[in-house]
Protein backbone atom coordinates (compact mmCIF):
# COMPACT_ATOMS: atom_id res chain seq x y z
CA MET A 1 -123.85 -60.11 17.94
CA LYS A 2 -121.44 -60.07 15.75
CA PRO A 3 -122.16 -61.52 12.40
CA ARG A 4 -121.02 -65.27 11.15
CA VAL A 5 -118.81 -66.07 7.75
CA MET A 6 -118.72 -69.35 6.76
CA ILE A 7 -115.52 -69.85 4.68
CA VAL A 8 -115.36 -73.53 3.02
CA GLU A 9 -112.34 -73.19 0.83
CA ASP A 10 -109.38 -76.31 0.96
CA GLU A 11 -106.55 -74.02 0.35
CA GLU A 12 -105.04 -73.56 3.94
CA ALA A 13 -102.88 -70.73 3.74
CA LEU A 14 -105.68 -69.22 2.14
CA THR A 15 -108.44 -69.30 4.84
CA THR A 16 -105.52 -68.64 7.38
CA LEU A 17 -105.54 -65.52 5.64
CA LEU A 18 -109.06 -64.68 5.55
CA ARG A 19 -110.22 -65.97 8.57
CA TYR A 20 -107.54 -63.54 9.84
CA ASN A 21 -108.80 -60.61 8.27
CA LEU A 22 -112.40 -61.18 8.87
CA GLU A 23 -111.62 -61.80 12.58
CA ALA A 24 -109.78 -58.36 13.11
CA GLU A 25 -112.99 -56.23 11.36
CA GLY A 26 -115.12 -58.02 13.63
CA TYR A 27 -116.81 -61.16 12.38
CA ASP A 28 -117.13 -64.52 14.11
CA VAL A 29 -115.80 -66.53 11.72
CA ASP A 30 -115.88 -70.64 10.66
CA THR A 31 -113.95 -72.82 8.67
CA VAL A 32 -114.25 -76.15 6.61
CA ALA A 33 -111.97 -77.41 4.78
CA ARG A 34 -114.40 -80.16 2.62
CA GLY A 35 -118.18 -79.88 0.67
CA ASP A 36 -119.57 -82.54 2.04
CA GLU A 37 -118.61 -81.21 5.64
CA ALA A 38 -119.70 -77.96 4.89
CA GLU A 39 -123.01 -79.61 3.89
CA ILE A 40 -123.61 -80.91 7.41
CA ARG A 41 -122.35 -77.52 8.90
CA LEU A 42 -125.00 -75.70 6.83
CA ARG A 43 -127.71 -77.57 7.86
CA GLU A 44 -126.83 -77.56 11.39
CA SER A 45 -126.30 -73.75 11.96
CA PRO A 46 -126.83 -71.25 8.70
CA PRO A 47 -123.59 -68.58 8.97
CA ASP A 48 -125.01 -64.55 7.96
CA LEU A 49 -122.57 -64.95 4.97
CA LEU A 50 -120.76 -68.02 3.54
CA LEU A 51 -117.44 -67.40 1.44
CA LEU A 52 -117.74 -70.61 -1.26
CA ASP A 53 -114.58 -72.46 -3.13
CA TRP A 54 -116.10 -73.75 -6.33
CA MET A 55 -113.74 -76.88 -6.47
CA LEU A 56 -113.64 -79.06 -3.16
CA PRO A 57 -113.05 -81.88 -2.08
CA GLY A 58 -116.17 -84.02 -1.17
CA VAL A 59 -119.10 -81.64 -2.87
CA SER A 60 -118.23 -79.36 -5.20
CA GLY A 61 -119.23 -75.34 -4.40
CA ILE A 62 -121.12 -75.30 -7.41
CA GLU A 63 -123.17 -77.84 -6.04
CA ILE A 64 -123.30 -76.73 -2.60
CA CYS A 65 -124.91 -73.16 -3.97
CA ARG A 66 -127.28 -75.32 -5.90
CA ARG A 67 -128.53 -77.59 -3.08
CA LEU A 68 -128.36 -74.08 -0.55
CA ARG A 69 -131.03 -72.42 -3.26
CA THR A 70 -133.33 -75.24 -2.80
CA ARG A 71 -134.17 -75.04 0.77
CA ARG A 72 -136.10 -72.62 2.69
CA GLU A 73 -133.99 -72.25 5.49
CA THR A 74 -131.21 -71.13 3.13
CA GLU A 75 -132.43 -70.17 -0.06
CA LEU A 76 -131.77 -66.49 0.75
CA LEU A 77 -128.34 -67.35 2.49
CA PRO A 78 -126.02 -64.46 0.80
CA VAL A 79 -122.62 -66.58 -0.86
CA ILE A 80 -119.73 -64.76 -2.23
CA MET A 81 -117.93 -68.02 -4.95
CA LEU A 82 -114.51 -67.75 -4.85
CA THR A 83 -112.38 -69.19 -7.63
CA ALA A 84 -109.56 -69.46 -9.85
CA ARG A 85 -112.47 -69.58 -13.10
CA GLY A 86 -112.14 -66.46 -14.24
CA GLU A 87 -114.20 -66.81 -17.87
CA GLU A 88 -116.78 -64.87 -18.33
CA GLY A 89 -119.12 -68.29 -19.23
CA GLU A 90 -117.97 -69.77 -15.65
CA ARG A 91 -118.83 -66.68 -13.70
CA ILE A 92 -122.54 -66.92 -15.31
CA ARG A 93 -122.67 -69.98 -14.66
CA GLY A 94 -121.77 -69.41 -10.81
CA LEU A 95 -123.98 -66.54 -10.02
CA ALA A 96 -127.17 -68.36 -12.20
CA THR A 97 -126.18 -71.37 -9.60
CA GLY A 98 -127.36 -68.40 -7.08
CA ALA A 99 -124.13 -67.08 -6.08
CA ASP A 100 -124.31 -63.39 -4.73
CA ASP A 101 -121.08 -62.71 -5.84
CA TYR A 102 -118.29 -64.02 -7.92
CA VAL A 103 -114.20 -63.17 -6.47
CA VAL A 104 -111.75 -64.43 -9.14
CA LYS A 105 -108.18 -65.71 -7.52
CA PRO A 106 -105.96 -64.09 -6.91
CA PHE A 107 -108.14 -61.52 -5.30
CA SER A 108 -107.04 -58.78 -3.14
CA VAL A 109 -108.26 -58.89 0.53
CA PRO A 110 -109.30 -55.04 0.97
CA GLU A 111 -111.81 -55.40 -2.01
CA LEU A 112 -112.88 -58.96 -0.61
CA LEU A 113 -113.57 -57.50 2.65
CA ALA A 114 -116.15 -54.80 1.10
CA ARG A 115 -117.57 -56.92 -1.08
CA VAL A 116 -118.52 -59.03 2.22
CA ARG A 117 -119.50 -55.46 3.92
CA ALA A 118 -121.83 -54.16 1.01
CA LEU A 119 -123.34 -57.83 0.52
CA LEU A 120 -124.46 -58.06 4.46
CA ARG A 121 -125.25 -54.75 4.24
CA ARG A 122 -127.76 -55.03 1.67
CA VAL A 123 -129.16 -57.93 3.05
CA LYS A 124 -128.71 -57.56 6.97
CA PRO A 125 -128.39 -54.21 7.40
CA GLU A 126 -128.27 -54.77 11.30
CA HIS A 127 -125.20 -56.36 10.78
CA VAL A 128 -122.62 -54.07 9.69
CA SER A 129 -121.85 -50.89 11.22
CA ARG A 130 -121.78 -47.92 9.00
CA THR A 131 -119.98 -45.54 11.43
CA LEU A 132 -117.07 -46.08 13.94
CA LYS A 133 -116.56 -44.01 17.00
CA ALA A 134 -113.99 -43.70 19.46
CA GLY A 135 -113.05 -40.81 21.80
CA ASP A 136 -113.89 -37.60 19.37
CA ILE A 137 -113.22 -39.22 16.04
CA GLU A 138 -116.02 -40.48 14.41
CA LEU A 139 -115.46 -42.27 10.64
CA ASP A 140 -118.38 -42.57 8.38
CA ARG A 141 -117.43 -45.89 6.21
CA GLU A 142 -120.28 -45.21 3.47
CA ASN A 143 -119.51 -41.91 2.60
CA ARG A 144 -115.65 -42.23 3.26
CA ARG A 145 -115.57 -38.79 5.65
CA VAL A 146 -113.92 -38.48 8.99
CA ARG A 147 -114.62 -35.92 11.55
CA ARG A 148 -112.50 -34.92 14.93
CA HIS A 149 -114.80 -33.15 17.24
CA ALA A 150 -116.67 -32.01 14.63
CA ARG A 151 -113.82 -31.10 12.20
CA GLU A 152 -113.83 -32.51 9.13
CA VAL A 153 -110.24 -34.50 8.65
CA HIS A 154 -109.22 -34.57 5.19
CA LEU A 155 -107.78 -38.20 4.72
CA GLY A 156 -106.24 -39.98 1.10
CA PRO A 157 -107.55 -43.42 0.71
CA THR A 158 -104.76 -45.20 1.61
CA GLU A 159 -104.83 -43.27 5.12
CA PHE A 160 -108.68 -43.67 5.46
CA ARG A 161 -108.13 -47.86 5.46
CA LEU A 162 -105.42 -47.65 7.93
CA LEU A 163 -107.54 -45.67 10.11
CA GLU A 164 -110.76 -47.49 9.62
CA PHE A 165 -108.51 -51.25 10.22
CA LEU A 166 -106.78 -49.94 13.26
CA MET A 167 -109.79 -48.48 14.38
CA GLN A 168 -111.90 -51.98 13.96
CA SER A 169 -109.63 -53.33 16.26
CA ALA A 170 -108.65 -51.30 18.88
CA GLY A 171 -106.49 -52.94 21.34
CA ARG A 172 -104.85 -55.10 19.00
CA VAL A 173 -101.60 -54.70 18.01
CA PHE A 174 -100.84 -55.46 13.99
CA THR A 175 -97.27 -55.66 12.36
CA ARG A 176 -96.17 -53.87 9.44
CA GLU A 177 -96.84 -57.27 7.65
CA GLN A 178 -100.26 -57.91 8.71
CA LEU A 179 -101.35 -53.84 8.65
CA LEU A 180 -99.86 -54.80 4.12
CA ASP A 181 -102.44 -57.80 3.91
CA GLY A 182 -105.00 -56.05 5.52
CA VAL A 183 -104.95 -52.29 4.34
CA TRP A 184 -103.29 -52.79 0.98
CA GLY A 185 -103.98 -56.48 -0.04
CA ARG A 186 -101.32 -59.10 -0.42
CA ASP A 187 -100.85 -59.27 -4.07
CA VAL A 188 -99.34 -55.56 -4.40
CA TYR A 189 -95.47 -55.68 -3.57
CA VAL A 190 -94.50 -52.58 -1.62
CA ASP A 191 -91.81 -52.14 1.68
CA GLU A 192 -92.44 -52.81 4.74
CA ARG A 193 -91.43 -49.07 5.79
CA THR A 194 -94.35 -48.09 3.37
CA VAL A 195 -96.67 -48.85 6.20
CA ASP A 196 -94.49 -46.13 8.22
CA VAL A 197 -94.62 -43.43 5.97
CA HIS A 198 -98.47 -43.38 5.75
CA VAL A 199 -98.98 -43.87 9.73
CA GLY A 200 -97.07 -40.55 10.00
CA ARG A 201 -99.45 -39.21 7.27
CA LEU A 202 -102.38 -40.52 9.57
CA ARG A 203 -101.47 -39.06 12.35
CA LYS A 204 -99.90 -35.44 11.10
CA ALA A 205 -103.80 -35.02 9.84
CA ILE A 206 -105.58 -36.62 12.58
CA ASN A 207 -103.73 -34.48 15.10
CA ARG A 208 -103.85 -31.14 14.61
CA GLY A 209 -103.54 -29.01 17.04
CA ARG A 210 -102.16 -31.05 19.43
CA LYS A 211 -104.75 -33.29 19.80
CA PRO A 212 -103.98 -37.06 21.75
CA ASP A 213 -102.80 -39.57 19.38
CA PRO A 214 -105.00 -42.44 19.52
CA ILE A 215 -102.12 -44.49 17.31
CA ARG A 216 -99.54 -46.14 19.47
CA THR A 217 -96.56 -47.02 18.30
CA VAL A 218 -95.59 -50.89 19.88
CA ARG A 219 -91.79 -50.83 19.85
CA GLY A 220 -90.20 -53.74 17.79
CA ALA A 221 -93.86 -55.27 17.04
CA GLY A 222 -96.24 -52.52 15.12
CA TYR A 223 -98.87 -50.20 15.84
CA SER A 224 -102.54 -50.13 17.44
CA PHE A 225 -105.26 -47.99 17.94
CA ASP A 226 -105.20 -47.07 21.50
CA GLU A 227 -108.58 -48.95 23.26
CA THR A 228 -108.22 -46.12 26.17
CA PHE A 229 -108.78 -43.12 23.84
CA ALA A 230 -112.05 -43.34 24.13
CA ARG A 231 -112.22 -43.47 28.08
CA GLN A 232 -109.54 -40.07 27.74
CA GLN A 233 -111.70 -37.68 26.00
């Protein structure tokens, strides 16, 4: 069963971005824009992890977090607080109220996804896959290593994140813009053609010895990890 993440955030553009990237990582995602509505949803069906904005209409995120910790069924629910409040005193207040982690806006989406994985791995390890496998390619998320046909493949950090992002959504076609958001983060300003350069480096590293290429170029659209690759091996 996929881990379920609830996003409680009243900024629609940020909610859309987070939902897209979390679903690309393989999570089921629920979204709520108001604090009072979130309280009802959390009582009805608690998620596996909560991304909670501090400032919300209805009921504040900090108050929701406080109330969650007073109820037995949600006292251990993993909570990551999202906020524009970056002062040390505010971070301490958020953590003291019961948040497990605290992320200040604007933030890197890849970093947030890494925090989600790390928190789930700690509290619900059964929900986080440490290894991605397709055909003769094996990607070890924990040790940041890649093997193909038992041979170590040496990748730079960007190529590793790119391969991981594509493998976890095999068959899905990503535009260059989507890959920039998912791999580099929305706050990094680089040209879209940078994606082509790193895809080229990734292909060169994993396809040595004329091995079949698992990365598919979709003309006029972008790139995907070929979902038929595993069946071809």
